[in-house]
Protein backbone atom coordinates (compact mmCIF):
# COMPACT_ATOMS: atom_id res chain seq x y z
CA MET A 1 3.09 8.24 -7.92
CA GLY A 2 1.74 9.06 -11.35
CA PRO A 3 -0.32 12.13 -12.17
CA LEU A 4 -3.48 10.08 -12.77
CA LEU A 5 -3.18 8.32 -9.42
CA GLU A 6 -3.00 11.72 -7.74
CA LYS A 7 -6.48 12.48 -9.14
CA VAL A 8 -8.05 9.46 -7.41
CA LYS A 9 -9.96 10.24 -4.20
CA PRO A 10 -7.56 9.92 -1.25
CA LYS A 11 -9.32 6.98 0.44
CA TYR A 12 -9.33 5.04 -2.84
CA ARG A 13 -5.77 6.06 -3.66
CA HIS A 14 -4.56 4.85 -0.26
CA VAL A 15 -6.01 1.39 -0.93
CA LEU A 16 -4.47 1.26 -4.43
CA ILE A 17 -1.04 2.25 -3.11
CA LEU A 18 -1.15 -0.34 -0.35
CA LYS A 19 -2.35 -3.03 -2.78
CA TYR A 20 -0.24 -2.37 -5.88
CA TYR A 21 2.84 -0.56 -4.55
CA ASN A 22 3.18 -2.30 -1.17
CA ASP A 23 1.73 -5.66 -2.29
CA LEU A 24 -0.59 -6.03 0.70
CA THR A 25 -3.61 -8.32 0.63
CA LEU A 26 -7.10 -6.87 1.05
CA THR A 27 -7.22 -8.42 4.53
CA GLU A 28 -3.96 -6.68 5.48
CA ILE A 29 -5.18 -3.37 4.03
CA ALA A 30 -8.41 -3.67 6.03
CA ALA A 31 -6.38 -4.17 9.20
CA VAL A 32 -4.11 -1.20 8.43
CA LEU A 33 -7.04 1.12 7.72
CA GLY A 34 -9.29 -0.27 10.45
CA LYS A 35 -12.07 -0.83 7.91
CA PRO A 36 -14.09 -3.93 6.96
CA GLU A 37 -12.64 -5.96 4.11
CA GLY A 38 -15.80 -5.32 2.05
CA THR A 39 -15.21 -1.57 2.31
CA VAL A 40 -11.62 -2.01 1.14
CA LYS A 41 -12.80 -4.08 -1.86
CA THR A 42 -15.32 -1.39 -2.76
CA TRP A 43 -12.74 1.38 -2.48
CA GLN A 44 -10.31 -0.62 -4.65
CA HIS A 45 -13.01 -1.15 -7.27
CA LYS A 46 -14.01 2.52 -7.29
CA GLY A 47 -10.38 3.70 -7.41
CA LEU A 48 -9.59 1.45 -10.36
CA GLY A 49 -12.77 2.67 -12.06
CA GLN A 50 -11.62 6.28 -11.72
CA LEU A 51 -8.23 5.40 -13.21
CA ARG A 52 -9.83 3.54 -16.13
CA LYS A 53 -12.12 6.48 -16.90
CA TRP A 54 -9.26 8.99 -16.96
CA MET A 55 -6.99 6.70 -18.95
CA LYS A 56 -9.71 6.09 -21.51
CA ASN A 57 -10.35 9.83 -21.77
CA ARG A 58 -6.63 10.37 -22.38
CA ARG A 59 -6.60 7.48 -24.89
CA ASP A 60 -3.84 5.79 -22.87
CA TRP A 61 -5.97 2.69 -22.46
CA GLU A 62 -8.84 1.15 -24.33
């Protein structure tokens, strides 16, 4: 796991790891976490937003 991913809030990070490292669908992630699919989508969106903000601040991504 990269240093930027470690900065993401744990509940958002968990979704990102399950989605992008373990290649699970949002439906599968919702089942694993016992959360509604809409919540999982929101957490994914917020987690990616945090990563984008930090990457932009580091000039790693524009």
